[in-house]
Amino acid sequence: MSISHVKPDNIELIREDSNNLSFRQLANVNSHGADVSLTWVEINGAHRSLLTNKSTRVYYLLEGSFVFNVFPEDEILASAGDIVVIPRSQKYSFLGSGKYLVINGPAFQEGDDIYQP
């Protein structure tokens, strides 16, 4: 794997209406290897409940405020500048309005998200 220089504005913006967000995959398994992925996200509303058995997720909040519900009982109020770490196999959901970076280690791959009722 060689060194990469990514310009976010050159990466396709993908809309995901089911989670009220748009995102850009800045570092992904196909272009940068299986160790880590990085995605820029803008959200306005609720993200569906999910978990992943593959990765630990690190949310770095760039703008806005968020409420993370980590099941069965934790509620985390977070805002710009905060970091929220979700361990693998932990069911969670969140809502908010703002922008964040999500880092997955190992890298996110299609099908890793397991949506929960």
N, C-alpha and C. Protein backbone atom coordinates (compact mmCIF):
# COMPACT_ATOMS: atom_id res chain seq x y z
N MET A 1 0.85 -1.18 0.00
CA MET A 1 0.00 0.00 0.00
C MET A 1 0.90 1.24 0.00
N SER A 2 0.59 2.17 -0.86
CA SER A 2 1.39 3.39 -0.94
C SER A 2 0.70 4.54 -0.18
N ILE A 3 1.45 5.58 0.04
CA ILE A 3 0.92 6.77 0.72
C ILE A 3 -0.13 7.42 -0.17
N SER A 4 -1.20 7.92 0.43
CA SER A 4 -2.28 8.57 -0.30
C SER A 4 -2.45 10.01 0.15
N HIS A 5 -2.90 10.83 -0.75
CA HIS A 5 -3.29 12.21 -0.44
C HIS A 5 -4.72 12.35 -0.94
N VAL A 6 -5.63 12.56 -0.03
CA VAL A 6 -7.06 12.61 -0.37
C VAL A 6 -7.54 14.04 -0.28
N LYS A 7 -8.23 14.50 -1.31
CA LYS A 7 -8.88 15.80 -1.30
C LYS A 7 -10.39 15.54 -1.20
N PRO A 8 -10.98 15.80 -0.01
CA PRO A 8 -12.38 15.46 0.21
C PRO A 8 -13.35 15.97 -0.86
N ASP A 9 -13.12 17.17 -1.37
CA ASP A 9 -14.04 17.71 -2.38
C ASP A 9 -14.03 16.92 -3.68
N ASN A 10 -13.01 16.07 -3.88
CA ASN A 10 -12.94 15.25 -5.08
C ASN A 10 -13.60 13.89 -4.90
N ILE A 11 -14.07 13.61 -3.69
CA ILE A 11 -14.72 12.33 -3.38
C ILE A 11 -16.23 12.49 -3.54
N GLU A 12 -16.86 11.49 -4.15
CA GLU A 12 -18.31 11.53 -4.39
C GLU A 12 -19.09 11.67 -3.08
N LEU A 13 -20.07 12.56 -3.08
CA LEU A 13 -20.99 12.72 -1.95
C LEU A 13 -22.15 11.77 -2.17
N ILE A 14 -22.37 10.87 -1.22
CA ILE A 14 -23.42 9.86 -1.32
C ILE A 14 -24.50 10.18 -0.31
N ARG A 15 -25.74 10.15 -0.76
CA ARG A 15 -26.89 10.42 0.11
C ARG A 15 -27.45 9.10 0.61
N GLU A 16 -27.76 9.03 1.90
CA GLU A 16 -28.36 7.85 2.51
C GLU A 16 -29.60 8.30 3.29
N ASP A 17 -30.72 8.36 2.59
CA ASP A 17 -31.95 8.88 3.18
C ASP A 17 -32.44 8.06 4.37
N SER A 18 -32.19 6.75 4.39
CA SER A 18 -32.68 5.91 5.49
C SER A 18 -32.04 6.28 6.83
N ASN A 19 -30.91 7.00 6.78
CA ASN A 19 -30.25 7.45 8.01
C ASN A 19 -30.10 8.96 8.07
N ASN A 20 -30.83 9.68 7.21
CA ASN A 20 -30.85 11.15 7.24
C ASN A 20 -29.47 11.78 7.09
N LEU A 21 -28.65 11.22 6.20
CA LEU A 21 -27.28 11.72 6.09
C LEU A 21 -26.74 11.68 4.67
N SER A 22 -25.61 12.38 4.50
CA SER A 22 -24.79 12.33 3.30
C SER A 22 -23.37 12.07 3.76
N PHE A 23 -22.58 11.35 2.93
CA PHE A 23 -21.22 11.03 3.36
C PHE A 23 -20.25 10.95 2.19
N ARG A 24 -18.97 11.05 2.55
CA ARG A 24 -17.85 10.86 1.61
C ARG A 24 -16.90 9.85 2.25
N GLN A 25 -16.61 8.76 1.54
CA GLN A 25 -15.66 7.77 2.03
C GLN A 25 -14.25 8.24 1.71
N LEU A 26 -13.57 8.82 2.69
CA LEU A 26 -12.27 9.44 2.48
C LEU A 26 -11.13 8.43 2.43
N ALA A 27 -11.19 7.42 3.28
CA ALA A 27 -10.23 6.32 3.25
C ALA A 27 -11.05 5.05 3.38
N ASN A 28 -10.90 4.14 2.42
CA ASN A 28 -11.72 2.94 2.42
C ASN A 28 -10.90 1.71 2.10
N VAL A 29 -11.51 0.55 2.34
CA VAL A 29 -10.82 -0.73 2.19
C VAL A 29 -10.33 -0.94 0.76
N ASN A 30 -11.05 -0.48 -0.24
CA ASN A 30 -10.66 -0.70 -1.63
C ASN A 30 -9.45 0.13 -2.04
N SER A 31 -9.35 1.34 -1.53
CA SER A 31 -8.26 2.24 -1.94
C SER A 31 -7.10 2.31 -0.95
N HIS A 32 -7.37 1.98 0.32
CA HIS A 32 -6.36 2.25 1.35
C HIS A 32 -6.05 1.05 2.25
N GLY A 33 -6.64 -0.09 2.00
CA GLY A 33 -6.34 -1.28 2.78
C GLY A 33 -7.34 -1.57 3.87
N ALA A 34 -7.16 -2.72 4.51
CA ALA A 34 -8.14 -3.25 5.45
C ALA A 34 -7.98 -2.79 6.89
N ASP A 35 -6.94 -2.01 7.19
CA ASP A 35 -6.68 -1.66 8.59
C ASP A 35 -7.62 -0.62 9.16
N VAL A 36 -7.95 0.41 8.37
CA VAL A 36 -8.75 1.52 8.89
C VAL A 36 -9.50 2.19 7.75
N SER A 37 -10.66 2.75 8.09
CA SER A 37 -11.41 3.57 7.13
C SER A 37 -11.80 4.87 7.82
N LEU A 38 -12.06 5.89 6.99
CA LEU A 38 -12.43 7.21 7.49
C LEU A 38 -13.51 7.76 6.59
N THR A 39 -14.62 8.18 7.19
CA THR A 39 -15.75 8.70 6.44
C THR A 39 -16.18 10.03 7.04
N TRP A 40 -16.38 11.03 6.17
CA TRP A 40 -16.93 12.33 6.56
C TRP A 40 -18.44 12.23 6.39
N VAL A 41 -19.20 12.71 7.39
CA VAL A 41 -20.66 12.58 7.38
C VAL A 41 -21.31 13.88 7.80
N GLU A 42 -22.42 14.22 7.12
CA GLU A 42 -23.31 15.30 7.56
C GLU A 42 -24.68 14.68 7.77
N ILE A 43 -25.25 14.90 8.97
CA ILE A 43 -26.52 14.28 9.33
C ILE A 43 -27.48 15.34 9.85
N ASN A 44 -28.77 15.10 9.63
CA ASN A 44 -29.82 15.96 10.16
C ASN A 44 -31.01 15.09 10.52
N GLY A 45 -30.95 14.50 11.72
CA GLY A 45 -32.03 13.63 12.17
C GLY A 45 -31.49 12.40 12.86
N ALA A 46 -32.30 11.33 12.82
CA ALA A 46 -31.98 10.10 13.53
C ALA A 46 -31.29 9.09 12.63
N HIS A 47 -30.29 8.42 13.17
CA HIS A 47 -29.63 7.29 12.52
C HIS A 47 -30.21 6.02 13.12
N ARG A 48 -30.56 5.06 12.29
CA ARG A 48 -31.17 3.81 12.76
C ARG A 48 -30.25 3.05 13.72
N SER A 49 -30.85 2.26 14.61
CA SER A 49 -30.10 1.41 15.54
C SER A 49 -29.29 0.37 14.76
N LEU A 50 -28.05 0.17 15.20
CA LEU A 50 -27.19 -0.78 14.51
C LEU A 50 -26.11 -1.28 15.44
N LEU A 51 -25.36 -2.24 14.92
CA LEU A 51 -24.13 -2.69 15.54
C LEU A 51 -23.26 -3.26 14.44
N THR A 52 -21.99 -3.42 14.73
CA THR A 52 -21.08 -4.12 13.84
C THR A 52 -20.22 -5.04 14.68
N ASN A 53 -20.08 -6.28 14.22
CA ASN A 53 -19.24 -7.23 14.92
C ASN A 53 -17.79 -7.18 14.45
N LYS A 54 -17.51 -6.31 13.49
CA LYS A 54 -16.19 -6.28 12.88
C LYS A 54 -15.28 -5.19 13.45
N SER A 55 -15.80 -3.98 13.65
CA SER A 55 -14.95 -2.83 13.94
C SER A 55 -15.31 -2.12 15.24
N THR A 56 -14.31 -1.48 15.82
CA THR A 56 -14.54 -0.44 16.80
C THR A 56 -14.74 0.84 16.00
N ARG A 57 -15.69 1.68 16.42
CA ARG A 57 -15.97 2.93 15.71
C ARG A 57 -15.64 4.11 16.60
N VAL A 58 -14.98 5.08 15.99
CA VAL A 58 -14.63 6.31 16.69
C VAL A 58 -15.32 7.45 15.93
N TYR A 59 -16.18 8.17 16.64
CA TYR A 59 -16.87 9.33 16.08
C TYR A 59 -16.18 10.59 16.60
N TYR A 60 -15.67 11.41 15.69
CA TYR A 60 -15.10 12.70 16.05
C TYR A 60 -16.06 13.76 15.53
N LEU A 61 -16.72 14.46 16.44
CA LEU A 61 -17.78 15.40 16.10
C LEU A 61 -17.18 16.75 15.71
N LEU A 62 -17.43 17.17 14.48
CA LEU A 62 -16.87 18.41 13.94
C LEU A 62 -17.77 19.61 14.20
N GLU A 63 -19.08 19.42 14.04
CA GLU A 63 -20.07 20.50 14.22
C GLU A 63 -21.35 19.90 14.78
N GLY A 64 -22.09 20.68 15.54
CA GLY A 64 -23.42 20.28 15.98
C GLY A 64 -23.44 19.60 17.33
N SER A 65 -24.60 19.00 17.63
CA SER A 65 -24.78 18.27 18.89
C SER A 65 -25.53 16.98 18.60
N PHE A 66 -25.27 15.96 19.42
CA PHE A 66 -25.76 14.62 19.18
C PHE A 66 -26.14 13.94 20.48
N VAL A 67 -27.06 13.00 20.38
CA VAL A 67 -27.40 12.11 21.49
C VAL A 67 -27.16 10.69 20.99
N PHE A 68 -26.22 9.99 21.64
CA PHE A 68 -25.95 8.59 21.35
C PHE A 68 -26.66 7.75 22.39
N ASN A 69 -27.45 6.79 21.94
CA ASN A 69 -28.10 5.84 22.83
C ASN A 69 -27.39 4.51 22.66
N VAL A 70 -26.69 4.10 23.71
CA VAL A 70 -25.93 2.87 23.70
C VAL A 70 -26.71 1.87 24.55
N PHE A 71 -27.20 0.82 23.93
CA PHE A 71 -28.12 -0.10 24.60
C PHE A 71 -27.35 -1.06 25.50
N PRO A 72 -27.90 -1.38 26.66
CA PRO A 72 -29.30 -1.19 27.00
C PRO A 72 -29.64 0.12 27.71
N GLU A 73 -28.65 0.89 28.22
CA GLU A 73 -29.08 1.99 29.08
C GLU A 73 -28.29 3.29 29.00
N ASP A 74 -27.18 3.34 28.35
CA ASP A 74 -26.37 4.56 28.35
C ASP A 74 -26.86 5.59 27.34
N GLU A 75 -26.87 6.85 27.74
CA GLU A 75 -27.16 7.96 26.85
C GLU A 75 -26.00 8.93 26.95
N ILE A 76 -25.43 9.25 25.80
CA ILE A 76 -24.28 10.15 25.76
C ILE A 76 -24.67 11.41 25.02
N LEU A 77 -24.56 12.55 25.68
CA LEU A 77 -24.77 13.85 25.05
C LEU A 77 -23.42 14.35 24.60
N ALA A 78 -23.27 14.62 23.31
CA ALA A 78 -21.97 15.00 22.77
C ALA A 78 -22.13 16.16 21.80
N SER A 79 -21.07 16.95 21.67
CA SER A 79 -21.10 18.09 20.76
C SER A 79 -19.74 18.28 20.10
N ALA A 80 -19.66 19.28 19.23
CA ALA A 80 -18.45 19.54 18.45
C ALA A 80 -17.20 19.48 19.33
N GLY A 81 -16.20 18.76 18.86
CA GLY A 81 -14.95 18.59 19.58
C GLY A 81 -14.89 17.32 20.40
N ASP A 82 -16.04 16.70 20.66
CA ASP A 82 -16.08 15.46 21.44
C ASP A 82 -15.77 14.26 20.57
N ILE A 83 -15.34 13.19 21.24
CA ILE A 83 -15.08 11.90 20.60
C ILE A 83 -15.92 10.86 21.32
N VAL A 84 -16.62 10.03 20.55
CA VAL A 84 -17.41 8.93 21.11
C VAL A 84 -16.87 7.64 20.50
N VAL A 85 -16.50 6.70 21.37
CA VAL A 85 -15.96 5.41 20.91
C VAL A 85 -17.01 4.33 21.18
N ILE A 86 -17.39 3.61 20.12
CA ILE A 86 -18.36 2.52 20.23
C ILE A 86 -17.62 1.20 19.98
N PRO A 87 -17.54 0.32 20.98
CA PRO A 87 -16.86 -0.96 20.79
C PRO A 87 -17.62 -1.86 19.81
N ARG A 88 -16.89 -2.75 19.19
CA ARG A 88 -17.55 -3.72 18.29
C ARG A 88 -18.60 -4.51 19.06
N SER A 89 -19.64 -4.93 18.36
CA SER A 89 -20.76 -5.73 18.89
C SER A 89 -21.63 -4.98 19.89
N GLN A 90 -21.53 -3.65 19.94
CA GLN A 90 -22.35 -2.83 20.84
C GLN A 90 -23.49 -2.21 20.06
N LYS A 91 -24.73 -2.51 20.44
CA LYS A 91 -25.89 -1.91 19.77
C LYS A 91 -26.01 -0.45 20.18
N TYR A 92 -26.25 0.43 19.19
CA TYR A 92 -26.40 1.86 19.47
C TYR A 92 -27.21 2.53 18.38
N SER A 93 -27.67 3.72 18.70
CA SER A 93 -28.31 4.60 17.73
C SER A 93 -27.92 6.02 18.13
N PHE A 94 -28.18 6.97 17.25
CA PHE A 94 -27.92 8.35 17.61
C PHE A 94 -28.75 9.27 16.75
N LEU A 95 -28.85 10.51 17.23
CA LEU A 95 -29.53 11.53 16.46
C LEU A 95 -28.83 12.84 16.69
N GLY A 96 -29.00 13.72 15.73
CA GLY A 96 -28.38 15.03 15.86
C GLY A 96 -28.37 15.74 14.53
N SER A 97 -27.80 16.90 14.57
CA SER A 97 -27.64 17.72 13.38
C SER A 97 -26.22 18.26 13.40
N GLY A 98 -25.44 17.90 12.38
CA GLY A 98 -24.07 18.37 12.35
C GLY A 98 -23.21 17.54 11.42
N LYS A 99 -21.91 17.63 11.65
CA LYS A 99 -20.93 16.92 10.83
C LYS A 99 -19.98 16.17 11.75
N TYR A 100 -19.52 15.01 11.26
CA TYR A 100 -18.57 14.23 12.04
C TYR A 100 -17.71 13.37 11.12
N LEU A 101 -16.61 12.89 11.67
CA LEU A 101 -15.78 11.88 11.03
C LEU A 101 -16.01 10.59 11.78
N VAL A 102 -16.13 9.47 11.06
CA VAL A 102 -16.20 8.16 11.71
C VAL A 102 -15.04 7.33 11.19
N ILE A 103 -14.30 6.79 12.16
CA ILE A 103 -13.13 5.96 11.88
C ILE A 103 -13.48 4.53 12.29
N ASN A 104 -13.23 3.58 11.40
CA ASN A 104 -13.47 2.17 11.69
C ASN A 104 -12.14 1.44 11.66
N GLY A 105 -11.88 0.65 12.68
CA GLY A 105 -10.70 -0.19 12.69
C GLY A 105 -11.08 -1.58 13.16
N PRO A 106 -10.91 -2.59 12.30
CA PRO A 106 -10.47 -2.53 10.91
C PRO A 106 -11.47 -1.79 10.02
N ALA A 107 -11.07 -1.60 8.78
CA ALA A 107 -11.83 -0.78 7.83
C ALA A 107 -13.25 -1.29 7.62
N PHE A 108 -14.18 -0.34 7.47
CA PHE A 108 -15.57 -0.65 7.13
C PHE A 108 -15.62 -1.31 5.76
N GLN A 109 -16.47 -2.33 5.66
CA GLN A 109 -16.78 -2.96 4.38
C GLN A 109 -18.29 -3.05 4.25
N GLU A 110 -18.77 -2.96 3.03
CA GLU A 110 -20.21 -3.08 2.77
C GLU A 110 -20.73 -4.34 3.45
N GLY A 111 -21.84 -4.20 4.18
CA GLY A 111 -22.45 -5.33 4.88
C GLY A 111 -22.05 -5.42 6.35
N ASP A 112 -21.10 -4.59 6.81
CA ASP A 112 -20.68 -4.63 8.21
C ASP A 112 -21.77 -4.14 9.16
N ASP A 113 -22.57 -3.17 8.74
CA ASP A 113 -23.64 -2.64 9.59
C ASP A 113 -24.76 -3.66 9.69
N ILE A 114 -25.14 -3.98 10.92
CA ILE A 114 -26.27 -4.87 11.17
C ILE A 114 -27.34 -4.02 11.84
N TYR A 115 -28.39 -3.68 11.08
CA TYR A 115 -29.43 -2.81 11.62
C TYR A 115 -30.34 -3.58 12.55
N GLN A 116 -30.73 -2.94 13.65
CA GLN A 116 -31.49 -3.54 14.73
C GLN A 116 -32.89 -2.93 14.81
N PRO A 117 -33.84 -3.72 15.32
CA PRO A 117 -35.20 -3.16 15.51
C PRO A 117 -35.24 -2.13 16.63
